[in-house]
Amino acid sequence: MSSVPDVDHPAEQSEVDIRLTAANVSVSARVEVVHDGVISVRPSAGDFVGPVVGTGDQVEVYWRTADGHRAVPAEVLDFESEPVVRWRLTITGPSEHSQRRDAVRGRIAVPVTADVAGVELTGETMDLSEGGIRAVFEGFGLAPEAGTRLSLVIGMDDGPVRASGEVVRLQSRGSRWTLSITFLHIEEKDQDRLRRRVFQALREERARLSD
């Protein structure tokens, strides 16, 4: 396997996105060292990401190049959580041109309200991420079309998250509307809270599967 930085693998000290295939989530990280097909990275999401990965987990590593993005498949060789979070990934195949993945959603149900032109809709999320939500609402009035802007209040355990968003997709079944919404504005601290909630759900799922 060839080893050309920024072509066959990300360059050292560069920023990458790592998609955890089974967990259906992505993590930003900084590449420390690349040697003999092994990429050592420092995830930037914090200490809470450690238990999410396991030895042998399949991942995809994405990075930006001068002409777009590239991706390479890899496997978690090992990981550590102390004194710092560090993952070592073994490259398992050739790199290729790719589109960078958006923040991946976690399947989490919490209450949500949406203000659409003064009309308040109540519902529950089906999944969420720091980039947006998919939620089921009790329909009232005219269904919001793609491109409709709205204000959101998402009910989290540690307090509400407020954001503005835009409808990307609508599915209507009688009085129940399923809306896919991308955030237009959300505070960075609230993005961190949503990301932490996704990782908490992943830890809980991994614990259930290991019982």
N, C-alpha and C. Protein backbone atom coordinates (compact mmCIF):
# COMPACT_ATOMS: atom_id res chain seq x y z
N MET A 1 0.86 -1.20 0.00
CA MET A 1 0.00 0.00 0.00
C MET A 1 0.89 1.24 0.00
N SER A 2 0.57 2.19 -0.90
CA SER A 2 1.38 3.40 -0.98
C SER A 2 1.11 4.29 0.22
N SER A 3 1.97 5.30 0.42
CA SER A 3 1.84 6.14 1.61
C SER A 3 2.23 7.56 1.28
N VAL A 4 1.39 8.23 0.51
CA VAL A 4 1.62 9.63 0.13
C VAL A 4 0.72 10.51 0.97
N PRO A 5 1.31 11.37 1.84
CA PRO A 5 0.48 12.24 2.68
C PRO A 5 -0.48 13.08 1.86
N ASP A 6 -1.69 13.24 2.34
CA ASP A 6 -2.76 14.03 1.72
C ASP A 6 -3.34 13.35 0.48
N VAL A 7 -2.82 12.18 0.12
CA VAL A 7 -3.38 11.40 -1.00
C VAL A 7 -3.85 10.04 -0.49
N ASP A 8 -2.92 9.27 0.04
CA ASP A 8 -3.26 7.94 0.55
C ASP A 8 -3.75 7.97 1.99
N HIS A 9 -3.42 9.01 2.69
CA HIS A 9 -3.84 9.18 4.08
C HIS A 9 -3.72 10.66 4.44
N PRO A 10 -4.39 11.11 5.51
CA PRO A 10 -4.27 12.52 5.92
C PRO A 10 -2.86 12.83 6.41
N ALA A 11 -2.45 14.06 6.22
CA ALA A 11 -1.12 14.48 6.67
C ALA A 11 -1.10 14.62 8.19
N GLU A 12 0.08 14.45 8.77
CA GLU A 12 0.23 14.63 10.20
C GLU A 12 -0.08 16.08 10.59
N GLN A 13 -0.69 16.26 11.74
CA GLN A 13 -1.09 17.55 12.30
C GLN A 13 -2.24 18.20 11.51
N SER A 14 -2.94 17.42 10.70
CA SER A 14 -4.11 17.93 9.97
C SER A 14 -5.39 17.58 10.72
N GLU A 15 -6.50 18.25 10.35
CA GLU A 15 -7.79 17.98 10.96
C GLU A 15 -8.55 16.98 10.10
N VAL A 16 -9.22 16.02 10.75
CA VAL A 16 -9.99 15.01 10.02
C VAL A 16 -11.35 14.83 10.70
N ASP A 17 -12.27 14.20 9.97
CA ASP A 17 -13.52 13.73 10.54
C ASP A 17 -13.49 12.21 10.51
N ILE A 18 -13.86 11.57 11.61
CA ILE A 18 -13.88 10.11 11.70
C ILE A 18 -15.32 9.66 11.89
N ARG A 19 -15.81 8.90 10.94
CA ARG A 19 -17.16 8.35 11.03
C ARG A 19 -17.09 6.95 11.62
N LEU A 20 -17.78 6.75 12.76
CA LEU A 20 -17.86 5.44 13.38
C LEU A 20 -19.01 4.70 12.71
N THR A 21 -18.69 3.73 11.88
CA THR A 21 -19.67 3.10 11.01
C THR A 21 -20.83 2.48 11.78
N ALA A 22 -20.54 1.63 12.77
CA ALA A 22 -21.61 0.95 13.50
C ALA A 22 -22.38 1.89 14.40
N ALA A 23 -21.68 2.84 15.01
CA ALA A 23 -22.33 3.76 15.96
C ALA A 23 -23.11 4.86 15.26
N ASN A 24 -22.84 5.10 13.96
CA ASN A 24 -23.54 6.10 13.17
C ASN A 24 -23.36 7.51 13.75
N VAL A 25 -22.09 7.86 13.97
CA VAL A 25 -21.77 9.19 14.47
C VAL A 25 -20.40 9.58 13.94
N SER A 26 -20.11 10.87 13.88
CA SER A 26 -18.77 11.30 13.47
C SER A 26 -18.13 12.20 14.50
N VAL A 27 -16.79 12.15 14.52
CA VAL A 27 -15.99 12.86 15.51
C VAL A 27 -14.88 13.62 14.79
N SER A 28 -14.66 14.86 15.19
CA SER A 28 -13.52 15.62 14.66
C SER A 28 -12.27 15.23 15.43
N ALA A 29 -11.12 15.22 14.75
CA ALA A 29 -9.87 14.81 15.40
C ALA A 29 -8.69 15.46 14.72
N ARG A 30 -7.55 15.46 15.41
CA ARG A 30 -6.29 15.93 14.85
C ARG A 30 -5.35 14.73 14.71
N VAL A 31 -4.74 14.63 13.53
CA VAL A 31 -3.80 13.54 13.27
C VAL A 31 -2.48 13.84 13.96
N GLU A 32 -1.99 12.90 14.76
CA GLU A 32 -0.70 13.06 15.42
C GLU A 32 0.42 12.46 14.58
N VAL A 33 0.30 11.17 14.29
CA VAL A 33 1.35 10.44 13.58
C VAL A 33 0.71 9.46 12.60
N VAL A 34 1.35 9.30 11.43
CA VAL A 34 0.96 8.25 10.49
C VAL A 34 2.22 7.42 10.21
N HIS A 35 2.15 6.10 10.50
CA HIS A 35 3.34 5.26 10.33
C HIS A 35 2.93 3.83 10.05
N ASP A 36 3.45 3.28 8.95
CA ASP A 36 3.19 1.88 8.59
C ASP A 36 1.71 1.55 8.56
N GLY A 37 0.93 2.43 7.95
CA GLY A 37 -0.49 2.17 7.81
C GLY A 37 -1.32 2.40 9.05
N VAL A 38 -0.74 2.97 10.10
CA VAL A 38 -1.47 3.24 11.34
C VAL A 38 -1.56 4.75 11.54
N ILE A 39 -2.78 5.23 11.76
CA ILE A 39 -3.02 6.65 12.00
C ILE A 39 -3.34 6.85 13.48
N SER A 40 -2.56 7.67 14.16
CA SER A 40 -2.82 8.01 15.56
C SER A 40 -3.50 9.37 15.60
N VAL A 41 -4.68 9.44 16.23
CA VAL A 41 -5.44 10.69 16.26
C VAL A 41 -5.83 11.05 17.67
N ARG A 42 -6.07 12.36 17.87
CA ARG A 42 -6.58 12.89 19.13
C ARG A 42 -7.98 13.45 18.87
N PRO A 43 -9.05 12.73 19.24
CA PRO A 43 -10.40 13.25 19.06
C PRO A 43 -10.58 14.56 19.83
N SER A 44 -11.33 15.49 19.23
CA SER A 44 -11.50 16.80 19.86
C SER A 44 -12.81 16.91 20.61
N ALA A 45 -13.62 15.85 20.62
CA ALA A 45 -14.93 15.93 21.25
C ALA A 45 -14.87 15.82 22.77
N GLY A 46 -13.72 15.47 23.34
CA GLY A 46 -13.60 15.43 24.79
C GLY A 46 -13.49 14.01 25.32
N ASP A 47 -13.34 13.90 26.64
CA ASP A 47 -13.13 12.60 27.26
C ASP A 47 -14.30 11.64 27.06
N PHE A 48 -15.51 12.18 26.81
CA PHE A 48 -16.68 11.31 26.72
C PHE A 48 -16.67 10.43 25.49
N VAL A 49 -15.75 10.63 24.53
CA VAL A 49 -15.76 9.80 23.33
C VAL A 49 -15.06 8.47 23.56
N GLY A 50 -14.27 8.33 24.61
CA GLY A 50 -13.47 7.13 24.79
C GLY A 50 -14.26 5.84 24.76
N PRO A 51 -15.29 5.69 25.61
CA PRO A 51 -16.01 4.43 25.65
C PRO A 51 -16.84 4.13 24.41
N VAL A 52 -17.00 5.10 23.51
CA VAL A 52 -17.82 4.89 22.32
C VAL A 52 -17.17 3.91 21.36
N VAL A 53 -15.85 3.91 21.28
CA VAL A 53 -15.17 3.03 20.33
C VAL A 53 -14.70 1.77 21.02
N GLY A 54 -14.51 0.73 20.21
CA GLY A 54 -13.97 -0.52 20.72
C GLY A 54 -12.96 -1.06 19.72
N THR A 55 -12.03 -1.86 20.20
CA THR A 55 -11.04 -2.47 19.32
C THR A 55 -11.75 -3.29 18.24
N GLY A 56 -11.36 -3.05 16.99
CA GLY A 56 -11.97 -3.75 15.87
C GLY A 56 -13.11 -3.01 15.21
N ASP A 57 -13.56 -1.89 15.80
CA ASP A 57 -14.63 -1.11 15.18
C ASP A 57 -14.18 -0.57 13.82
N GLN A 58 -15.11 -0.56 12.86
CA GLN A 58 -14.83 -0.04 11.52
C GLN A 58 -15.14 1.46 11.48
N VAL A 59 -14.24 2.23 10.84
CA VAL A 59 -14.42 3.68 10.73
C VAL A 59 -14.05 4.13 9.33
N GLU A 60 -14.42 5.36 9.01
CA GLU A 60 -13.98 6.03 7.78
C GLU A 60 -13.35 7.36 8.19
N VAL A 61 -12.21 7.68 7.61
CA VAL A 61 -11.50 8.91 7.94
C VAL A 61 -11.61 9.86 6.75
N TYR A 62 -12.14 11.08 6.97
CA TYR A 62 -12.34 12.08 5.93
C TYR A 62 -11.41 13.26 6.17
N TRP A 63 -10.83 13.80 5.09
CA TRP A 63 -10.02 15.00 5.24
C TRP A 63 -10.12 15.85 3.99
N ARG A 64 -9.83 17.14 4.16
CA ARG A 64 -9.93 18.11 3.07
C ARG A 64 -8.60 18.15 2.30
N THR A 65 -8.70 18.24 0.99
CA THR A 65 -7.53 18.40 0.13
C THR A 65 -7.71 19.64 -0.74
N ALA A 66 -6.72 19.95 -1.54
CA ALA A 66 -6.79 21.13 -2.40
C ALA A 66 -7.92 21.02 -3.43
N ASP A 67 -8.28 19.79 -3.81
CA ASP A 67 -9.32 19.61 -4.84
C ASP A 67 -10.58 18.94 -4.30
N GLY A 68 -10.82 19.04 -3.01
CA GLY A 68 -12.05 18.48 -2.45
C GLY A 68 -11.81 17.74 -1.15
N HIS A 69 -12.36 16.55 -1.05
CA HIS A 69 -12.20 15.71 0.14
C HIS A 69 -11.81 14.30 -0.26
N ARG A 70 -11.10 13.63 0.63
CA ARG A 70 -10.76 12.23 0.43
C ARG A 70 -11.18 11.45 1.67
N ALA A 71 -11.31 10.13 1.51
CA ALA A 71 -11.69 9.26 2.62
C ALA A 71 -10.91 7.97 2.51
N VAL A 72 -10.62 7.37 3.67
CA VAL A 72 -9.94 6.08 3.70
C VAL A 72 -10.59 5.22 4.78
N PRO A 73 -10.87 3.94 4.49
CA PRO A 73 -11.44 3.06 5.52
C PRO A 73 -10.36 2.62 6.50
N ALA A 74 -10.76 2.39 7.74
CA ALA A 74 -9.80 1.97 8.77
C ALA A 74 -10.50 1.16 9.85
N GLU A 75 -9.71 0.59 10.73
CA GLU A 75 -10.22 -0.20 11.85
C GLU A 75 -9.54 0.28 13.12
N VAL A 76 -10.29 0.33 14.23
CA VAL A 76 -9.72 0.76 15.50
C VAL A 76 -8.76 -0.32 16.01
N LEU A 77 -7.48 0.04 16.08
CA LEU A 77 -6.46 -0.89 16.57
C LEU A 77 -6.49 -0.92 18.10
N ASP A 78 -6.49 0.26 18.71
CA ASP A 78 -6.64 0.37 20.15
C ASP A 78 -6.97 1.83 20.48
N PHE A 79 -7.30 2.08 21.73
CA PHE A 79 -7.64 3.44 22.14
C PHE A 79 -7.30 3.61 23.62
N GLU A 80 -7.14 4.86 24.03
CA GLU A 80 -6.90 5.16 25.43
C GLU A 80 -7.67 6.42 25.80
N SER A 81 -8.05 6.53 27.06
CA SER A 81 -8.82 7.67 27.54
C SER A 81 -8.03 8.54 28.51
N GLU A 82 -6.94 8.02 29.06
CA GLU A 82 -6.12 8.78 30.01
C GLU A 82 -4.65 8.57 29.69
N PRO A 83 -3.82 9.59 29.87
CA PRO A 83 -4.15 10.94 30.35
C PRO A 83 -4.86 11.80 29.30
N VAL A 84 -4.81 11.38 28.02
CA VAL A 84 -5.53 12.08 26.96
C VAL A 84 -6.27 11.02 26.13
N VAL A 85 -7.31 11.48 25.40
CA VAL A 85 -8.03 10.58 24.51
C VAL A 85 -7.22 10.42 23.23
N ARG A 86 -6.93 9.18 22.88
CA ARG A 86 -6.15 8.91 21.66
C ARG A 86 -6.66 7.61 21.04
N TRP A 87 -6.83 7.63 19.71
CA TRP A 87 -7.23 6.42 18.98
C TRP A 87 -6.13 6.08 17.98
N ARG A 88 -5.86 4.79 17.81
CA ARG A 88 -4.94 4.32 16.78
C ARG A 88 -5.73 3.50 15.78
N LEU A 89 -5.67 3.91 14.52
CA LEU A 89 -6.49 3.34 13.46
C LEU A 89 -5.61 2.67 12.41
N THR A 90 -5.93 1.44 12.02
CA THR A 90 -5.20 0.75 10.97
C THR A 90 -5.93 0.93 9.64
N ILE A 91 -5.26 1.46 8.64
CA ILE A 91 -5.86 1.64 7.32
C ILE A 91 -6.15 0.27 6.71
N THR A 92 -7.38 0.08 6.22
CA THR A 92 -7.79 -1.23 5.70
C THR A 92 -8.05 -1.24 4.20
N GLY A 93 -7.90 -0.11 3.53
CA GLY A 93 -8.15 -0.07 2.09
C GLY A 93 -7.63 1.21 1.48
N PRO A 94 -7.73 1.33 0.15
CA PRO A 94 -7.23 2.53 -0.52
C PRO A 94 -8.11 3.75 -0.28
N SER A 95 -7.52 4.93 -0.35
CA SER A 95 -8.28 6.16 -0.21
C SER A 95 -8.95 6.49 -1.54
N GLU A 96 -9.95 7.35 -1.48
CA GLU A 96 -10.66 7.77 -2.69
C GLU A 96 -11.27 9.14 -2.46
N HIS A 97 -11.62 9.81 -3.58
CA HIS A 97 -12.32 11.09 -3.47
C HIS A 97 -13.68 10.86 -2.83
N SER A 98 -14.12 11.80 -2.00
CA SER A 98 -15.38 11.62 -1.30
C SER A 98 -15.95 12.96 -0.91
N GLN A 99 -17.26 12.95 -0.66
CA GLN A 99 -17.93 14.11 -0.10
C GLN A 99 -17.84 14.04 1.41
N ARG A 100 -17.51 15.16 2.04
CA ARG A 100 -17.46 15.17 3.50
C ARG A 100 -18.84 14.91 4.07
N ARG A 101 -18.93 14.07 5.08
CA ARG A 101 -20.21 13.75 5.70
C ARG A 101 -20.62 14.86 6.67
N ASP A 102 -21.92 15.13 6.68
CA ASP A 102 -22.44 16.05 7.68
C ASP A 102 -22.47 15.37 9.04
N ALA A 103 -22.74 16.16 10.06
CA ALA A 103 -22.86 15.58 11.40
C ALA A 103 -23.94 14.51 11.37
N VAL A 104 -23.64 13.33 11.85
CA VAL A 104 -24.56 12.20 11.80
C VAL A 104 -25.47 12.21 13.03
N ARG A 105 -26.71 11.86 12.81
CA ARG A 105 -27.69 11.95 13.88
C ARG A 105 -27.72 10.71 14.75
N GLY A 106 -28.06 10.89 16.03
CA GLY A 106 -28.29 9.78 16.93
C GLY A 106 -29.77 9.65 17.20
N ARG A 107 -30.26 8.43 17.32
CA ARG A 107 -31.69 8.19 17.55
C ARG A 107 -32.04 8.49 19.00
N ILE A 108 -32.57 9.68 19.22
CA ILE A 108 -32.88 10.15 20.57
C ILE A 108 -34.24 10.85 20.54
N ALA A 109 -35.13 10.47 21.46
CA ALA A 109 -36.46 11.06 21.52
C ALA A 109 -36.57 12.02 22.70
N VAL A 110 -36.73 13.31 22.41
CA VAL A 110 -36.95 14.34 23.43
C VAL A 110 -38.02 15.29 22.90
N PRO A 111 -38.74 15.98 23.79
CA PRO A 111 -39.79 16.90 23.33
C PRO A 111 -39.21 18.10 22.59
N VAL A 112 -39.97 18.59 21.62
CA VAL A 112 -39.52 19.75 20.84
C VAL A 112 -40.75 20.57 20.44
N THR A 113 -40.60 21.89 20.45
CA THR A 113 -41.64 22.78 19.93
C THR A 113 -41.04 23.61 18.81
N ALA A 114 -41.88 23.91 17.82
CA ALA A 114 -41.44 24.70 16.67
C ALA A 114 -42.42 25.84 16.46
N ASP A 115 -41.90 27.05 16.32
CA ASP A 115 -42.71 28.22 16.02
C ASP A 115 -42.60 28.50 14.53
N VAL A 116 -43.71 28.31 13.81
CA VAL A 116 -43.74 28.53 12.37
C VAL A 116 -44.68 29.69 12.09
N ALA A 117 -44.11 30.87 11.83
CA ALA A 117 -44.90 32.06 11.53
C ALA A 117 -45.97 32.31 12.60
N GLY A 118 -45.57 32.14 13.86
CA GLY A 118 -46.49 32.41 14.96
C GLY A 118 -47.35 31.24 15.38
N VAL A 119 -47.30 30.14 14.63
CA VAL A 119 -48.05 28.94 14.99
C VAL A 119 -47.10 27.98 15.71
N GLU A 120 -47.48 27.53 16.91
CA GLU A 120 -46.62 26.65 17.68
C GLU A 120 -47.01 25.19 17.46
N LEU A 121 -46.02 24.40 17.04
CA LEU A 121 -46.20 22.97 16.84
C LEU A 121 -45.47 22.23 17.96
N THR A 122 -46.08 21.18 18.49
CA THR A 122 -45.44 20.37 19.51
C THR A 122 -45.17 18.98 18.96
N GLY A 123 -44.06 18.39 19.39
CA GLY A 123 -43.72 17.07 18.88
C GLY A 123 -42.58 16.45 19.66
N GLU A 124 -41.95 15.46 19.02
CA GLU A 124 -40.86 14.71 19.64
C GLU A 124 -39.82 14.39 18.58
N THR A 125 -38.55 14.52 18.95
CA THR A 125 -37.49 14.21 18.00
C THR A 125 -37.41 12.70 17.75
N MET A 126 -37.06 12.34 16.52
CA MET A 126 -36.77 10.96 16.18
C MET A 126 -35.26 10.73 16.23
N ASP A 127 -34.53 11.75 15.82
CA ASP A 127 -33.08 11.74 15.94
C ASP A 127 -32.59 13.17 15.93
N LEU A 128 -31.35 13.36 16.37
CA LEU A 128 -30.80 14.71 16.44
C LEU A 128 -29.28 14.67 16.34
N SER A 129 -28.73 15.82 16.04
CA SER A 129 -27.28 16.02 16.02
C SER A 129 -27.05 17.50 16.25
N GLU A 130 -25.76 17.91 16.26
CA GLU A 130 -25.50 19.34 16.40
C GLU A 130 -25.85 20.10 15.14
N GLY A 131 -26.20 19.39 14.06
CA GLY A 131 -26.51 20.05 12.79
C GLY A 131 -27.98 20.16 12.48
N GLY A 132 -28.82 19.44 13.22
CA GLY A 132 -30.24 19.49 12.92
C GLY A 132 -31.00 18.35 13.59
N ILE A 133 -32.30 18.26 13.30
CA ILE A 133 -33.14 17.23 13.90
C ILE A 133 -34.11 16.67 12.85
N ARG A 134 -34.64 15.50 13.16
CA ARG A 134 -35.82 14.97 12.48
C ARG A 134 -36.84 14.72 13.58
N ALA A 135 -38.05 15.23 13.41
CA ALA A 135 -39.03 15.17 14.48
C ALA A 135 -40.43 14.97 13.93
N VAL A 136 -41.29 14.37 14.76
CA VAL A 136 -42.70 14.18 14.43
C VAL A 136 -43.52 15.20 15.21
N PHE A 137 -44.35 15.97 14.50
CA PHE A 137 -45.18 17.00 15.11
C PHE A 137 -46.65 16.69 14.90
N GLU A 138 -47.48 17.18 15.81
CA GLU A 138 -48.92 17.17 15.61
C GLU A 138 -49.26 18.32 14.69
N GLY A 139 -49.76 18.00 13.51
CA GLY A 139 -50.00 19.03 12.50
C GLY A 139 -51.10 20.01 12.90
N PHE A 140 -50.92 21.26 12.50
CA PHE A 140 -51.92 22.29 12.76
C PHE A 140 -51.77 23.37 11.69
N GLY A 141 -52.86 23.67 10.98
CA GLY A 141 -52.78 24.67 9.92
C GLY A 141 -52.15 24.09 8.67
N LEU A 142 -51.45 24.95 7.91
CA LEU A 142 -50.81 24.52 6.67
C LEU A 142 -49.46 23.89 6.98
N ALA A 143 -49.18 22.77 6.34
CA ALA A 143 -47.90 22.09 6.56
C ALA A 143 -46.77 22.94 6.00
N PRO A 144 -45.66 23.11 6.74
CA PRO A 144 -44.53 23.91 6.27
C PRO A 144 -43.78 23.21 5.13
N GLU A 145 -43.58 23.92 4.04
CA GLU A 145 -42.87 23.36 2.89
C GLU A 145 -41.37 23.43 3.11
N ALA A 146 -40.63 22.72 2.28
CA ALA A 146 -39.16 22.81 2.30
C ALA A 146 -38.74 24.26 2.10
N GLY A 147 -37.82 24.74 2.91
CA GLY A 147 -37.37 26.12 2.84
C GLY A 147 -38.01 27.01 3.89
N THR A 148 -39.07 26.52 4.56
CA THR A 148 -39.73 27.30 5.60
C THR A 148 -38.80 27.43 6.81
N ARG A 149 -38.68 28.64 7.33
CA ARG A 149 -37.84 28.89 8.50
C ARG A 149 -38.68 28.87 9.77
N LEU A 150 -38.07 28.41 10.85
CA LEU A 150 -38.81 28.29 12.11
C LEU A 150 -37.86 28.41 13.29
N SER A 151 -38.45 28.60 14.47
CA SER A 151 -37.70 28.65 15.72
C SER A 151 -37.98 27.38 16.49
N LEU A 152 -36.95 26.83 17.14
CA LEU A 152 -37.07 25.56 17.83
C LEU A 152 -36.68 25.68 19.29
N VAL A 153 -37.36 24.91 20.13
CA VAL A 153 -36.95 24.72 21.52
C VAL A 153 -36.94 23.21 21.76
N ILE A 154 -35.75 22.67 22.01
CA ILE A 154 -35.57 21.24 22.19
C ILE A 154 -35.40 20.97 23.68
N GLY A 155 -36.23 20.10 24.24
CA GLY A 155 -36.21 19.83 25.67
C GLY A 155 -35.16 18.82 26.07
N MET A 156 -34.01 19.30 26.54
CA MET A 156 -32.94 18.42 27.00
C MET A 156 -32.98 18.30 28.52
N ASP A 157 -32.39 17.23 29.04
CA ASP A 157 -32.39 17.00 30.49
C ASP A 157 -31.72 18.14 31.26
N ASP A 158 -30.69 18.75 30.66
CA ASP A 158 -29.94 19.81 31.34
C ASP A 158 -30.41 21.21 30.93
N GLY A 159 -31.62 21.30 30.38
CA GLY A 159 -32.17 22.60 30.01
C GLY A 159 -32.46 22.67 28.53
N PRO A 160 -33.36 23.58 28.11
CA PRO A 160 -33.75 23.66 26.71
C PRO A 160 -32.63 24.17 25.79
N VAL A 161 -32.64 23.67 24.57
CA VAL A 161 -31.75 24.16 23.52
C VAL A 161 -32.61 24.96 22.54
N ARG A 162 -32.21 26.19 22.28
CA ARG A 162 -32.95 27.05 21.36
C ARG A 162 -32.13 27.23 20.08
N ALA A 163 -32.82 27.14 18.96
CA ALA A 163 -32.14 27.26 17.67
C ALA A 163 -33.13 27.76 16.62
N SER A 164 -32.61 28.34 15.56
CA SER A 164 -33.42 28.62 14.39
C SER A 164 -33.07 27.60 13.32
N GLY A 165 -34.05 27.24 12.51
CA GLY A 165 -33.80 26.20 11.52
C GLY A 165 -34.59 26.40 10.24
N GLU A 166 -34.39 25.48 9.33
CA GLU A 166 -35.08 25.51 8.04
C GLU A 166 -35.54 24.10 7.70
N VAL A 167 -36.77 23.98 7.24
CA VAL A 167 -37.30 22.68 6.86
C VAL A 167 -36.61 22.20 5.59
N VAL A 168 -36.07 20.99 5.66
CA VAL A 168 -35.43 20.38 4.49
C VAL A 168 -36.39 19.43 3.78
N ARG A 169 -37.21 18.71 4.59
CA ARG A 169 -38.10 17.71 4.01
C ARG A 169 -39.32 17.55 4.90
N LEU A 170 -40.48 17.31 4.28
CA LEU A 170 -41.73 17.09 5.01
C LEU A 170 -42.36 15.79 4.54
N GLN A 171 -42.76 14.95 5.49
CA GLN A 171 -43.57 13.78 5.21
C GLN A 171 -44.84 13.91 6.04
N SER A 172 -46.00 13.84 5.38
CA SER A 172 -47.27 14.06 6.06
C SER A 172 -48.11 12.80 6.03
N ARG A 173 -48.55 12.37 7.22
CA ARG A 173 -49.49 11.26 7.34
C ARG A 173 -50.64 11.70 8.22
N GLY A 174 -51.70 12.12 7.58
CA GLY A 174 -52.83 12.63 8.33
C GLY A 174 -52.43 13.88 9.10
N SER A 175 -52.65 13.84 10.41
CA SER A 175 -52.33 15.01 11.24
C SER A 175 -50.92 14.95 11.82
N ARG A 176 -50.13 13.97 11.40
CA ARG A 176 -48.75 13.84 11.91
C ARG A 176 -47.77 14.23 10.80
N TRP A 177 -46.92 15.19 11.13
CA TRP A 177 -45.92 15.67 10.18
C TRP A 177 -44.52 15.28 10.65
N THR A 178 -43.77 14.65 9.78
CA THR A 178 -42.37 14.36 10.08
C THR A 178 -41.52 15.38 9.33
N LEU A 179 -40.80 16.21 10.09
CA LEU A 179 -40.00 17.28 9.50
C LEU A 179 -38.51 17.00 9.70
N SER A 180 -37.75 17.09 8.63
CA SER A 180 -36.29 17.10 8.72
C SER A 180 -35.86 18.56 8.69
N ILE A 181 -35.13 18.99 9.71
CA ILE A 181 -34.80 20.40 9.90
C ILE A 181 -33.30 20.57 10.08
N THR A 182 -32.72 21.49 9.34
CA THR A 182 -31.31 21.82 9.54
C THR A 182 -31.22 23.12 10.32
N PHE A 183 -30.25 23.19 11.24
CA PHE A 183 -30.08 24.40 12.03
C PHE A 183 -29.46 25.50 11.19
N LEU A 184 -30.01 26.71 11.31
CA LEU A 184 -29.42 27.89 10.70
C LEU A 184 -28.57 28.65 11.71
N HIS A 185 -29.02 28.64 12.96
CA HIS A 185 -28.25 29.28 14.03
C HIS A 185 -28.47 28.51 15.32
N ILE A 186 -27.37 28.18 15.98
CA ILE A 186 -27.41 27.53 17.28
C ILE A 186 -26.11 27.87 18.00
N GLU A 187 -26.18 28.15 19.29
CA GLU A 187 -24.99 28.50 20.05
C GLU A 187 -24.02 27.31 20.08
N GLU A 188 -22.72 27.61 20.05
CA GLU A 188 -21.72 26.55 20.05
C GLU A 188 -21.84 25.67 21.30
N LYS A 189 -22.12 26.29 22.44
CA LYS A 189 -22.26 25.51 23.67
C LYS A 189 -23.43 24.54 23.59
N ASP A 190 -24.47 24.93 22.86
CA ASP A 190 -25.61 24.04 22.70
C ASP A 190 -25.30 22.92 21.71
N GLN A 191 -24.50 23.20 20.69
CA GLN A 191 -24.04 22.13 19.81
C GLN A 191 -23.25 21.10 20.61
N ASP A 192 -22.41 21.57 21.52
CA ASP A 192 -21.64 20.65 22.37
C ASP A 192 -22.57 19.80 23.23
N ARG A 193 -23.63 20.40 23.75
CA ARG A 193 -24.58 19.66 24.58
C ARG A 193 -25.27 18.56 23.78
N LEU A 194 -25.67 18.88 22.55
CA LEU A 194 -26.32 17.88 21.72
C LEU A 194 -25.36 16.75 21.38
N ARG A 195 -24.12 17.12 21.08
CA ARG A 195 -23.12 16.09 20.74
C ARG A 195 -22.87 15.18 21.94
N ARG A 196 -22.79 15.76 23.15
CA ARG A 196 -22.59 14.96 24.35
C ARG A 196 -23.76 14.00 24.56
N ARG A 197 -24.97 14.49 24.28
CA ARG A 197 -26.16 13.63 24.45
C ARG A 197 -26.11 12.45 23.48
N VAL A 198 -25.65 12.68 22.26
CA VAL A 198 -25.52 11.58 21.30
C VAL A 198 -24.54 10.54 21.82
N PHE A 199 -23.38 11.01 22.34
CA PHE A 199 -22.39 10.07 22.84
C PHE A 199 -22.89 9.33 24.09
N GLN A 200 -23.69 10.01 24.90
CA GLN A 200 -24.27 9.32 26.06
C GLN A 200 -25.17 8.18 25.59
N ALA A 201 -25.98 8.44 24.57
CA ALA A 201 -26.86 7.40 24.04
C ALA A 201 -26.04 6.25 23.47
N LEU A 202 -24.93 6.55 22.83
CA LEU A 202 -24.09 5.49 22.27
C LEU A 202 -23.46 4.65 23.37
N ARG A 203 -23.01 5.30 24.45
CA ARG A 203 -22.46 4.55 25.57
C ARG A 203 -23.50 3.61 26.16
N GLU A 204 -24.73 4.11 26.31
CA GLU A 204 -25.79 3.30 26.88
C GLU A 204 -26.12 2.12 25.97
N GLU A 205 -26.13 2.38 24.65
CA GLU A 205 -26.41 1.30 23.70
C GLU A 205 -25.30 0.24 23.75
N ARG A 206 -24.04 0.70 23.81
CA ARG A 206 -22.93 -0.25 23.87
C ARG A 206 -23.01 -1.09 25.16
N ALA A 207 -23.39 -0.45 26.27
CA ALA A 207 -23.52 -1.18 27.53
C ALA A 207 -24.62 -2.23 27.46
N ARG A 208 -25.75 -1.88 26.82
CA ARG A 208 -26.84 -2.85 26.69
C ARG A 208 -26.42 -4.05 25.85
N LEU A 209 -25.68 -3.79 24.76
CA LEU A 209 -25.26 -4.86 23.88
C LEU A 209 -24.25 -5.77 24.54
N SER A 210 -23.49 -5.24 25.51
CA SER A 210 -22.46 -6.05 26.16
C SER A 210 -22.99 -6.87 27.32
N ASP A 211 -24.25 -6.60 27.75
CA ASP A 211 -24.82 -7.35 28.88
C ASP A 211 -25.09 -8.81 28.50
